Amino acid sequence: MHNDKYWKLSKHKSLELEFDWFEPDREWGMFGFSISLRRKGDHAGILVYLELFEKIFFSIEFYDSRHWDDDNDTFM
């Protein structure tokens, strides 16, 4: 089962929630957790994900929808 929701919060900012429920035969660890933050780069923002019992995956992401211009060190 896969569910995701997406909201455009402003011209360039978006919020996305994702939830997945997998069959128990998946070969994943019992628990996973990660937080990442990108200030520069394509779709910069914060991502938090949580994985439980080899079956449940949840993520929340708040990001900038613009792409990064490396030559000018700014968003396009």
N, C-alpha and C. Protein backbone atom coordinates (compact mmCIF):
# COMPACT_ATOMS: atom_id res chain seq x y z
N MET A 1 0.84 -1.17 0.00
CA MET A 1 0.00 0.00 0.00
C MET A 1 0.90 1.24 0.00
N HIS A 2 0.59 2.18 -0.85
CA HIS A 2 1.37 3.40 -0.97
C HIS A 2 0.42 4.59 -0.93
N ASN A 3 0.71 5.53 -0.06
CA ASN A 3 -0.08 6.76 0.02
C ASN A 3 0.87 7.93 0.10
N ASP A 4 0.59 8.96 -0.64
CA ASP A 4 1.36 10.18 -0.49
C ASP A 4 0.45 11.38 -0.72
N LYS A 5 0.81 12.45 -0.06
CA LYS A 5 0.07 13.71 -0.16
C LYS A 5 1.08 14.82 -0.40
N TYR A 6 0.64 15.82 -1.16
CA TYR A 6 1.53 16.90 -1.55
C TYR A 6 0.75 18.21 -1.44
N TRP A 7 1.40 19.22 -0.87
CA TRP A 7 0.79 20.55 -0.77
C TRP A 7 1.80 21.59 -1.22
N LYS A 8 1.37 22.49 -2.08
CA LYS A 8 2.18 23.63 -2.47
C LYS A 8 1.86 24.74 -1.48
N LEU A 9 2.85 25.13 -0.67
CA LEU A 9 2.64 26.09 0.40
C LEU A 9 2.84 27.53 -0.04
N SER A 10 3.70 27.72 -1.01
CA SER A 10 3.95 29.05 -1.58
C SER A 10 4.47 28.85 -2.99
N LYS A 11 4.92 29.91 -3.61
CA LYS A 11 5.39 29.82 -5.00
C LYS A 11 6.48 28.76 -5.18
N HIS A 12 7.40 28.65 -4.21
CA HIS A 12 8.52 27.72 -4.36
C HIS A 12 8.64 26.68 -3.25
N LYS A 13 7.77 26.72 -2.26
CA LYS A 13 7.87 25.80 -1.13
C LYS A 13 6.75 24.77 -1.17
N SER A 14 7.11 23.51 -0.88
CA SER A 14 6.14 22.41 -0.91
C SER A 14 6.35 21.51 0.29
N LEU A 15 5.29 20.79 0.65
CA LEU A 15 5.32 19.81 1.73
C LEU A 15 4.79 18.51 1.16
N GLU A 16 5.48 17.41 1.47
CA GLU A 16 5.07 16.10 0.97
C GLU A 16 5.13 15.09 2.10
N LEU A 17 4.08 14.30 2.25
CA LEU A 17 4.00 13.20 3.20
C LEU A 17 3.87 11.91 2.42
N GLU A 18 4.58 10.87 2.85
CA GLU A 18 4.52 9.60 2.17
C GLU A 18 4.43 8.48 3.20
N PHE A 19 3.59 7.51 2.92
CA PHE A 19 3.43 6.34 3.78
C PHE A 19 3.35 5.10 2.91
N ASP A 20 4.17 4.09 3.24
CA ASP A 20 4.16 2.82 2.52
C ASP A 20 4.06 1.67 3.51
N TRP A 21 3.30 0.65 3.13
CA TRP A 21 3.17 -0.57 3.91
C TRP A 21 3.58 -1.72 2.98
N PHE A 22 4.66 -2.41 3.33
CA PHE A 22 5.20 -3.47 2.48
C PHE A 22 4.85 -4.84 3.03
N GLU A 23 4.94 -5.83 2.17
CA GLU A 23 4.75 -7.22 2.60
C GLU A 23 5.89 -7.60 3.55
N PRO A 24 5.65 -8.50 4.51
CA PRO A 24 6.66 -8.83 5.52
C PRO A 24 7.91 -9.52 5.00
N ASP A 25 7.96 -9.97 3.76
CA ASP A 25 9.14 -10.66 3.26
C ASP A 25 10.24 -9.71 2.78
N ARG A 26 10.04 -8.41 2.95
CA ARG A 26 11.08 -7.44 2.56
C ARG A 26 12.30 -7.63 3.44
N GLU A 27 13.49 -7.46 2.90
CA GLU A 27 14.72 -7.68 3.66
C GLU A 27 15.30 -6.36 4.16
N TRP A 28 14.55 -5.66 4.95
CA TRP A 28 15.02 -4.40 5.52
C TRP A 28 15.27 -4.60 7.01
N GLY A 29 16.01 -3.68 7.61
CA GLY A 29 16.27 -3.74 9.04
C GLY A 29 15.01 -3.51 9.85
N MET A 30 15.11 -3.75 11.13
CA MET A 30 13.96 -3.59 12.02
C MET A 30 13.59 -2.13 12.24
N PHE A 31 14.58 -1.23 12.17
CA PHE A 31 14.30 0.17 12.47
C PHE A 31 15.26 1.06 11.69
N GLY A 32 14.74 2.11 11.11
CA GLY A 32 15.58 3.09 10.42
C GLY A 32 15.02 4.48 10.65
N PHE A 33 15.91 5.44 10.82
CA PHE A 33 15.50 6.82 11.04
C PHE A 33 16.56 7.72 10.44
N SER A 34 16.14 8.77 9.76
CA SER A 34 17.10 9.69 9.15
C SER A 34 16.50 11.08 9.07
N ILE A 35 17.36 12.08 9.24
CA ILE A 35 17.00 13.48 9.01
C ILE A 35 18.10 14.05 8.14
N SER A 36 17.71 14.70 7.05
CA SER A 36 18.71 15.35 6.20
C SER A 36 18.26 16.78 5.90
N LEU A 37 19.23 17.65 5.78
CA LEU A 37 18.97 19.06 5.51
C LEU A 37 19.90 19.52 4.39
N ARG A 38 19.32 20.10 3.35
CA ARG A 38 20.11 20.65 2.23
C ARG A 38 19.74 22.10 2.06
N ARG A 39 20.73 22.97 2.16
CA ARG A 39 20.50 24.39 1.96
C ARG A 39 20.71 24.81 0.53
N LYS A 40 21.56 24.08 -0.19
CA LYS A 40 21.84 24.37 -1.59
C LYS A 40 21.62 23.11 -2.40
N GLY A 41 21.26 23.27 -3.67
CA GLY A 41 21.05 22.13 -4.54
C GLY A 41 19.60 22.03 -4.97
N ASP A 42 19.37 21.17 -5.93
CA ASP A 42 18.01 20.96 -6.43
C ASP A 42 17.09 20.50 -5.30
N HIS A 43 15.94 21.09 -5.20
CA HIS A 43 14.93 20.73 -4.21
C HIS A 43 15.48 20.74 -2.78
N ALA A 44 16.20 21.79 -2.44
CA ALA A 44 16.78 21.93 -1.10
C ALA A 44 15.68 21.97 -0.06
N GLY A 45 15.97 21.41 1.11
CA GLY A 45 15.00 21.42 2.19
C GLY A 45 15.33 20.37 3.23
N ILE A 46 14.34 19.97 3.98
CA ILE A 46 14.52 18.99 5.04
C ILE A 46 13.70 17.74 4.74
N LEU A 47 14.29 16.59 5.01
CA LEU A 47 13.64 15.30 4.82
C LEU A 47 13.79 14.48 6.09
N VAL A 48 12.70 13.95 6.59
CA VAL A 48 12.70 13.07 7.75
C VAL A 48 12.02 11.77 7.33
N TYR A 49 12.68 10.63 7.61
CA TYR A 49 12.01 9.37 7.31
C TYR A 49 12.17 8.40 8.47
N LEU A 50 11.22 7.50 8.55
CA LEU A 50 11.17 6.51 9.61
C LEU A 50 10.74 5.18 8.99
N GLU A 51 11.45 4.11 9.36
CA GLU A 51 11.13 2.76 8.88
C GLU A 51 11.00 1.85 10.10
N LEU A 52 9.93 1.05 10.14
CA LEU A 52 9.66 0.18 11.29
C LEU A 52 9.34 -1.24 10.87
N PHE A 53 9.91 -2.20 11.56
CA PHE A 53 9.54 -3.62 11.48
C PHE A 53 9.52 -4.19 10.08
N GLU A 54 10.41 -3.73 9.23
CA GLU A 54 10.55 -4.25 7.87
C GLU A 54 9.28 -4.08 7.04
N LYS A 55 8.31 -3.29 7.50
CA LYS A 55 7.05 -3.18 6.78
C LYS A 55 6.56 -1.75 6.59
N ILE A 56 6.87 -0.86 7.49
CA ILE A 56 6.27 0.47 7.48
C ILE A 56 7.33 1.52 7.16
N PHE A 57 7.02 2.40 6.22
CA PHE A 57 7.92 3.49 5.85
C PHE A 57 7.10 4.78 5.86
N PHE A 58 7.61 5.81 6.54
CA PHE A 58 6.95 7.11 6.61
C PHE A 58 7.98 8.20 6.35
N SER A 59 7.64 9.18 5.53
CA SER A 59 8.54 10.31 5.32
C SER A 59 7.76 11.61 5.25
N ILE A 60 8.43 12.67 5.65
CA ILE A 60 7.89 14.01 5.53
C ILE A 60 9.00 14.88 4.96
N GLU A 61 8.67 15.68 3.95
CA GLU A 61 9.68 16.50 3.29
C GLU A 61 9.12 17.91 3.06
N PHE A 62 9.90 18.89 3.47
CA PHE A 62 9.60 20.29 3.21
C PHE A 62 10.73 20.79 2.33
N TYR A 63 10.42 21.25 1.12
CA TYR A 63 11.49 21.56 0.18
C TYR A 63 11.16 22.73 -0.73
N ASP A 64 12.21 23.24 -1.35
CA ASP A 64 12.13 24.30 -2.34
C ASP A 64 12.06 23.62 -3.71
N SER A 65 11.08 23.96 -4.51
CA SER A 65 10.88 23.26 -5.78
C SER A 65 11.83 23.72 -6.89
N ARG A 66 12.61 24.76 -6.64
CA ARG A 66 13.51 25.27 -7.68
C ARG A 66 14.77 24.40 -7.80
N HIS A 67 15.44 24.54 -8.94
CA HIS A 67 16.71 23.87 -9.16
C HIS A 67 17.85 24.84 -8.90
N TRP A 68 19.02 24.29 -8.63
CA TRP A 68 20.18 25.06 -8.23
C TRP A 68 21.07 25.37 -9.43
N ASP A 69 21.54 26.61 -9.51
CA ASP A 69 22.47 27.06 -10.55
C ASP A 69 23.87 27.10 -9.93
N ASP A 70 24.68 26.07 -10.21
CA ASP A 70 26.03 25.99 -9.61
C ASP A 70 26.92 27.13 -10.07
N ASP A 71 26.78 27.57 -11.30
CA ASP A 71 27.63 28.64 -11.82
C ASP A 71 27.44 29.96 -11.07
N ASN A 72 26.20 30.24 -10.70
CA ASN A 72 25.90 31.50 -10.00
C ASN A 72 25.64 31.33 -8.52
N ASP A 73 25.74 30.08 -8.02
CA ASP A 73 25.56 29.76 -6.59
C ASP A 73 24.23 30.32 -6.07
N THR A 74 23.15 30.06 -6.81
CA THR A 74 21.82 30.51 -6.41
C THR A 74 20.77 29.63 -7.06
N PHE A 75 19.51 29.80 -6.65
CA PHE A 75 18.42 29.08 -7.29
C PHE A 75 18.09 29.70 -8.63
N MET A 76 17.63 28.87 -9.56
CA MET A 76 17.21 29.36 -10.88
C MET A 76 15.80 29.89 -10.79
